Amino acid sequence: MAEARWITETLFDELGVRINYRAKKVLRETRTGHQHLVLFEHAFFGTMLMLDGATQIATRDAFIYQEMMTHVPLFAHGRAHDVLIVGGGDCAIANEVLKHKTVRHLAQVEIDPAVVDFARRYFPQFTKPVFADRRFESVIGDGMTYLKRTERRFDAIIVDSTDPTGPGKVLFSERFYAACKRRLNEGGILVTQNGVPMLQPRELTLSVTKLRRLFADAACYVAAIPTYIGGHMAMGWATDDRRLRAASAPALAARYRRAGKFATKYWTPEVQAAAFALPRFIADLVESARAR
């Protein structure tokens, strides 16, 4: 019998931390024009995708990240018609966005066509409904370049990025956040992937610092996602409408009912209202950004 192949997450090598996953089967492994990609089956977490040694998606717990990155900003806004996703080539976030009846147009800008191609083959549960929806526009290109060139404005921008290395590095820059703000409608919301504060505190603090130079309200909210190791995952939040973060559970529940009360596995109105109540150590990281 052939020896089992172990796939290693190396994102936290500098901290002396690695996570190994025993692959039942390696579905595809390649180096694209932008990054190393490995797609494999795991006995517990299901189909897993890693880019440059960092877990991007696992079918067992992907719904947590997808729902919190999507439903928090869209229900906080309450009337989002035009949405932009930067990254998100697996189309999982797009699939959640299109559940909202208020959305009239969704653009997804993914830099690596190989990710989209792999998703269409291996994650059809996300890609089939998305590509069949006439509201969806798939753009292969650099998110920063797209924001500079487009004339469109958006009610919500969701940055479903890799970590701040390689092609994802620019998506954590102040000039990128400024480009996002220029393309937001009044009262628009920007949300970002901001890592695990326990293991990546600097990433969160630096991002919130940059966002606070540009927006009236910048903070984060949290969720617990098992395959994003280290505890809470932080999602960056930025808007010029300070009222949106304070939306109450009853108000969110009313918007959810109007949206058709589609099925969720993690998000609820109560979870959204509570997600902005941060553990002290994360609140301290956010507060330290205010002081810079």
Protein backbone atom coordinates (compact mmCIF):
# COMPACT_ATOMS: atom_id res chain seq x y z
CA MET A 1 0.00 0.00 0.00
CA ALA A 2 1.34 3.43 -0.92
CA GLU A 3 2.29 5.69 1.97
CA ALA A 4 -0.28 8.36 2.76
CA ARG A 5 0.38 11.86 1.40
CA TRP A 6 0.33 14.59 4.03
CA ILE A 7 -0.43 18.15 2.90
CA THR A 8 1.17 20.81 5.07
CA GLU A 9 -0.17 24.26 5.86
CA THR A 10 2.91 26.49 6.17
CA LEU A 11 1.27 29.87 6.71
CA PHE A 12 2.57 30.15 10.27
CA ASP A 13 6.05 28.73 9.78
CA GLU A 14 7.65 31.82 11.32
CA LEU A 15 5.76 31.06 14.55
CA GLY A 16 6.92 27.45 14.55
CA VAL A 17 3.41 26.20 13.77
CA ARG A 18 2.43 23.78 11.01
CA ILE A 19 -0.76 21.81 10.42
CA ASN A 20 -0.73 18.55 8.44
CA TYR A 21 -3.73 17.04 6.68
CA ARG A 22 -3.63 13.43 5.48
CA ALA A 23 -4.97 13.43 1.96
CA LYS A 24 -7.28 10.62 0.91
CA LYS A 25 -6.64 11.72 -2.66
CA VAL A 26 -4.82 14.59 -4.32
CA LEU A 27 -7.20 15.82 -6.98
CA ARG A 28 -4.89 18.35 -8.60
CA GLU A 29 -1.59 20.04 -7.84
CA THR A 30 -0.01 22.68 -10.01
CA ARG A 31 1.80 25.97 -10.06
CA THR A 32 -0.36 28.54 -11.79
CA GLY A 33 0.92 31.82 -13.15
CA HIS A 34 0.41 33.33 -9.69
CA GLN A 35 0.67 30.66 -6.96
CA HIS A 36 1.06 27.02 -5.94
CA LEU A 37 -2.32 25.29 -5.85
CA VAL A 38 -3.18 21.92 -4.33
CA LEU A 39 -6.68 20.46 -4.18
CA PHE A 40 -7.23 17.30 -2.14
CA GLU A 41 -9.79 15.18 -0.31
CA HIS A 42 -9.66 14.88 3.48
CA ALA A 43 -11.62 12.29 5.47
CA PHE A 44 -13.17 14.84 7.84
CA PHE A 45 -12.92 18.29 6.23
CA GLY A 46 -13.90 17.16 2.73
CA THR A 47 -12.51 18.83 -0.37
CA MET A 48 -9.77 21.28 0.59
CA LEU A 49 -7.97 23.92 -1.45
CA MET A 50 -4.59 25.35 -0.45
CA LEU A 51 -2.82 28.24 -2.17
CA ASP A 52 0.85 28.77 -1.35
CA GLY A 53 0.55 26.61 1.76
CA ALA A 54 -2.51 28.38 3.21
CA THR A 55 -5.95 26.77 3.47
CA GLN A 56 -8.52 28.64 1.39
CA ILE A 57 -11.60 26.47 1.62
CA ALA A 58 -12.75 23.17 3.12
CA THR A 59 -16.24 21.97 2.33
CA ARG A 60 -16.88 20.89 5.94
CA ASP A 61 -16.74 24.38 7.47
CA ALA A 62 -16.70 26.77 4.50
CA PHE A 63 -20.23 27.95 5.23
CA ILE A 64 -19.06 29.88 8.30
CA TYR A 65 -16.68 32.15 6.42
CA GLN A 66 -18.97 32.45 3.40
CA GLU A 67 -22.03 33.46 5.38
CA MET A 68 -20.25 35.90 7.68
CA MET A 69 -18.36 37.63 4.87
CA THR A 70 -21.60 38.01 2.91
CA HIS A 71 -24.66 38.35 5.10
CA VAL A 72 -23.16 40.67 7.71
CA PRO A 73 -22.50 43.55 5.26
CA LEU A 74 -25.54 42.93 3.06
CA PHE A 75 -28.05 42.74 5.91
CA ALA A 76 -26.35 45.66 7.68
CA HIS A 77 -26.81 47.70 4.51
CA GLY A 78 -30.32 46.39 3.92
CA ARG A 79 -30.73 47.52 0.31
CA ALA A 80 -27.54 46.57 -1.52
CA HIS A 81 -28.14 46.52 -5.29
CA ASP A 82 -24.59 46.42 -6.66
CA VAL A 83 -21.90 44.23 -5.08
CA LEU A 84 -18.24 43.63 -5.89
CA ILE A 85 -16.17 40.64 -4.79
CA VAL A 86 -12.39 40.98 -5.08
CA GLY A 87 -10.89 37.49 -5.14
CA GLY A 88 -13.32 34.70 -4.36
CA GLY A 89 -12.52 32.58 -7.40
CA ASP A 90 -14.14 29.51 -5.87
CA CYS A 91 -17.49 31.40 -6.19
CA ALA A 92 -18.61 30.40 -2.68
CA ILE A 93 -19.05 34.03 -1.58
CA ALA A 94 -20.80 34.84 -4.86
CA ASN A 95 -23.23 32.00 -4.24
CA GLU A 96 -24.22 33.57 -0.91
CA VAL A 97 -24.48 37.11 -2.32
CA LEU A 98 -26.91 36.01 -5.01
CA LYS A 99 -29.31 34.68 -2.38
CA HIS A 100 -30.15 38.32 -1.63
CA LYS A 101 -33.11 39.48 -3.73
CA THR A 102 -32.03 43.11 -3.52
CA VAL A 103 -28.83 42.40 -5.49
CA ARG A 104 -29.17 43.43 -9.12
CA HIS A 105 -25.56 43.05 -10.24
CA LEU A 106 -22.59 41.15 -8.81
CA ALA A 107 -19.08 41.50 -10.24
CA GLN A 108 -16.35 39.10 -9.14
CA VAL A 109 -12.75 39.99 -9.97
CA GLU A 110 -10.34 37.07 -9.59
CA ILE A 111 -6.70 37.39 -10.63
CA ASP A 112 -6.02 33.68 -11.19
CA PRO A 113 -8.14 31.94 -13.87
CA ALA A 114 -6.91 28.54 -12.68
CA VAL A 115 -8.81 28.98 -9.41
CA VAL A 116 -12.06 29.62 -11.27
CA ASP A 117 -11.45 26.70 -13.64
CA PHE A 118 -10.73 24.35 -10.74
CA ALA A 119 -13.81 25.56 -8.88
CA ARG A 120 -16.05 24.89 -11.86
CA ARG A 121 -14.79 21.31 -11.90
CA TYR A 122 -14.49 20.54 -8.20
CA PHE A 123 -16.93 22.93 -6.47
CA PRO A 124 -19.98 22.79 -8.76
CA GLN A 125 -22.27 23.32 -5.77
CA PHE A 126 -21.01 26.93 -5.78
CA THR A 127 -20.21 27.62 -9.42
CA LYS A 128 -23.26 26.14 -11.18
CA PRO A 129 -25.89 28.42 -9.63
CA VAL A 130 -23.57 31.42 -9.81
CA PHE A 131 -22.70 31.14 -13.52
CA ALA A 132 -26.36 30.42 -14.32
CA ASP A 133 -27.45 33.69 -12.69
CA ARG A 134 -27.73 36.61 -15.12
CA ARG A 135 -26.86 39.06 -12.34
CA PHE A 136 -23.33 37.62 -12.12
CA GLU A 137 -20.30 38.97 -14.00
CA SER A 138 -16.98 37.11 -13.82
CA VAL A 139 -13.87 39.22 -14.45
CA ILE A 140 -10.38 37.72 -14.65
CA GLY A 141 -7.97 40.42 -13.64
CA ASP A 142 -6.22 42.34 -10.90
CA GLY A 143 -8.59 43.84 -8.33
CA MET A 144 -6.61 47.06 -7.96
CA THR A 145 -6.55 47.62 -11.72
CA TYR A 146 -10.27 46.90 -11.98
CA LEU A 147 -11.11 49.47 -9.30
CA LYS A 148 -9.02 52.10 -11.09
CA ARG A 149 -10.68 51.51 -14.44
CA THR A 150 -14.32 50.73 -13.67
CA GLU A 151 -16.99 53.39 -13.67
CA ARG A 152 -19.33 51.26 -11.59
CA ARG A 153 -20.19 52.08 -7.99
CA PHE A 154 -21.08 49.51 -5.38
CA ASP A 155 -23.14 49.27 -2.21
CA ALA A 156 -20.83 46.59 -0.80
CA ILE A 157 -17.30 45.44 -1.62
CA ILE A 158 -16.22 42.07 -0.23
CA VAL A 159 -12.49 41.36 -0.33
CA ASP A 160 -12.14 37.57 -0.25
CA SER A 161 -8.36 37.58 -0.43
CA THR A 162 -5.48 35.31 0.39
CA ASP A 163 -3.10 36.44 3.13
CA PRO A 164 -0.92 39.55 2.54
CA THR A 165 1.76 37.78 0.50
CA GLY A 166 2.23 37.32 -3.23
CA PRO A 167 -0.70 38.50 -5.37
CA GLY A 168 -2.76 39.22 -2.24
CA LYS A 169 -0.34 41.73 -0.72
CA VAL A 170 -1.70 44.81 -2.51
CA LEU A 171 -5.19 44.03 -1.20
CA PHE A 172 -4.02 45.05 2.28
CA SER A 173 -2.60 48.41 1.21
CA GLU A 174 -4.02 51.84 1.96
CA ARG A 175 -4.11 52.69 -1.74
CA PHE A 176 -6.29 49.64 -2.36
CA TYR A 177 -8.66 50.60 0.46
CA ALA A 178 -8.79 54.14 -0.95
CA ALA A 179 -9.64 52.74 -4.39
CA CYS A 180 -12.46 50.75 -2.80
CA LYS A 181 -13.83 53.84 -1.07
CA ARG A 182 -13.88 55.79 -4.34
CA ARG A 183 -16.10 53.11 -5.89
CA LEU A 184 -18.54 52.81 -2.96
CA ASN A 185 -21.92 54.49 -3.03
CA GLU A 186 -22.95 56.66 -0.11
CA GLY A 187 -23.48 54.40 2.88
CA GLY A 188 -21.54 51.58 1.22
CA ILE A 189 -19.67 48.93 3.19
CA LEU A 190 -16.23 47.36 2.70
CA VAL A 191 -15.43 44.04 4.37
CA THR A 192 -12.08 42.29 4.27
CA GLN A 193 -10.45 39.05 5.29
CA ASN A 194 -8.12 39.99 8.15
CA GLY A 195 -6.69 36.75 9.45
CA VAL A 196 -6.58 35.20 12.91
CA PRO A 197 -5.81 37.87 15.54
CA MET A 198 -4.17 35.43 17.94
CA LEU A 199 -1.54 34.49 15.34
CA GLN A 200 -1.69 37.54 13.04
CA PRO A 201 -2.25 40.56 15.33
CA ARG A 202 -0.19 42.95 13.22
CA GLU A 203 -2.28 42.22 10.13
CA LEU A 204 -5.47 43.29 11.89
CA THR A 205 -4.01 46.37 13.56
CA LEU A 206 -2.36 47.66 10.38
CA SER A 207 -5.50 47.11 8.32
CA VAL A 208 -7.78 48.90 10.78
CA THR A 209 -5.25 51.74 11.05
CA LYS A 210 -5.36 52.24 7.27
CA LEU A 211 -9.13 51.95 7.13
CA ARG A 212 -9.58 54.56 9.86
CA ARG A 213 -7.66 57.09 7.82
CA LEU A 214 -10.31 56.71 5.12
CA PHE A 215 -13.63 55.81 6.72
CA ALA A 216 -15.74 57.26 9.54
CA ASP A 217 -16.25 53.79 11.03
CA ALA A 218 -13.61 51.06 10.84
CA ALA A 219 -13.46 48.00 13.05
CA CYS A 220 -13.81 44.23 12.77
CA TYR A 221 -16.15 41.42 13.64
CA VAL A 222 -15.32 37.78 14.33
CA ALA A 223 -16.29 34.17 13.69
CA ALA A 224 -14.75 30.82 14.63
CA ILE A 225 -13.70 28.72 11.63
CA PRO A 226 -11.94 25.42 12.49
CA THR A 227 -9.68 25.16 9.43
CA TYR A 228 -8.45 28.75 9.90
CA ILE A 229 -6.42 27.73 12.90
CA GLY A 230 -5.72 29.90 15.90
CA GLY A 231 -9.17 30.79 17.22
CA HIS A 232 -11.28 33.69 16.01
CA MET A 233 -11.16 34.87 12.40
CA ALA A 234 -11.38 38.65 11.96
CA MET A 235 -13.33 40.31 9.18
CA GLY A 236 -12.44 43.94 8.62
CA TRP A 237 -15.32 46.44 8.46
CA ALA A 238 -15.36 49.94 7.03
CA THR A 239 -18.12 52.42 6.16
CA ASP A 240 -18.94 56.09 6.52
CA ASP A 241 -22.34 55.29 8.06
CA ARG A 242 -21.73 54.63 11.76
CA ARG A 243 -25.30 53.37 12.24
CA LEU A 244 -24.85 50.24 10.15
CA ARG A 245 -22.60 48.36 12.57
CA ALA A 246 -25.18 48.88 15.34
CA ALA A 247 -28.10 47.24 13.51
CA SER A 248 -30.15 45.37 16.11
CA ALA A 249 -31.11 41.70 15.93
CA PRO A 250 -34.83 42.57 15.45
CA ALA A 251 -33.99 44.94 12.58
CA LEU A 252 -31.75 42.33 10.97
CA ALA A 253 -34.44 39.66 11.43
CA ALA A 254 -36.95 41.87 9.59
CA ARG A 255 -34.54 42.28 6.67
CA TYR A 256 -33.92 38.52 6.68
CA ARG A 257 -37.67 37.86 6.44
CA ARG A 258 -37.97 40.28 3.53
CA ALA A 259 -35.08 38.46 1.83
CA GLY A 260 -37.05 35.21 1.96
CA LYS A 261 -35.41 33.62 5.01
CA PHE A 262 -33.12 31.46 2.85
CA ALA A 263 -31.34 28.66 4.72
CA THR A 264 -28.19 29.44 6.72
CA LYS A 265 -26.00 27.19 8.84
CA TYR A 266 -24.08 29.78 10.89
CA TRP A 267 -25.45 33.29 10.35
CA THR A 268 -28.46 34.45 12.33
CA PRO A 269 -29.58 37.99 13.19
CA GLU A 270 -28.42 37.37 16.77
CA VAL A 271 -25.01 36.09 15.64
CA GLN A 272 -24.51 39.20 13.49
CA ALA A 273 -25.40 41.57 16.32
CA ALA A 274 -23.05 39.70 18.66
CA ALA A 275 -20.15 39.37 16.19
CA PHE A 276 -19.07 42.97 16.80
CA ALA A 277 -18.72 42.29 20.56
CA LEU A 278 -15.01 41.52 20.58
CA PRO A 279 -12.97 39.53 23.10
CA ARG A 280 -10.78 41.94 25.05
CA PHE A 281 -7.49 41.01 23.36
CA ILE A 282 -9.00 41.63 19.91
CA ALA A 283 -10.68 44.85 21.06
CA ASP A 284 -7.27 46.00 22.32
CA LEU A 285 -5.74 45.36 18.88
CA VAL A 286 -8.49 47.42 17.26
CA GLU A 287 -8.15 50.15 19.87
CA SER A 288 -4.39 50.32 19.29
CA ALA A 289 -5.17 51.15 15.64
CA ARG A 290 -7.20 54.14 16.82
CA ALA A 291 -4.19 55.53 18.65
CA ARG A 292 -1.85 55.54 15.63
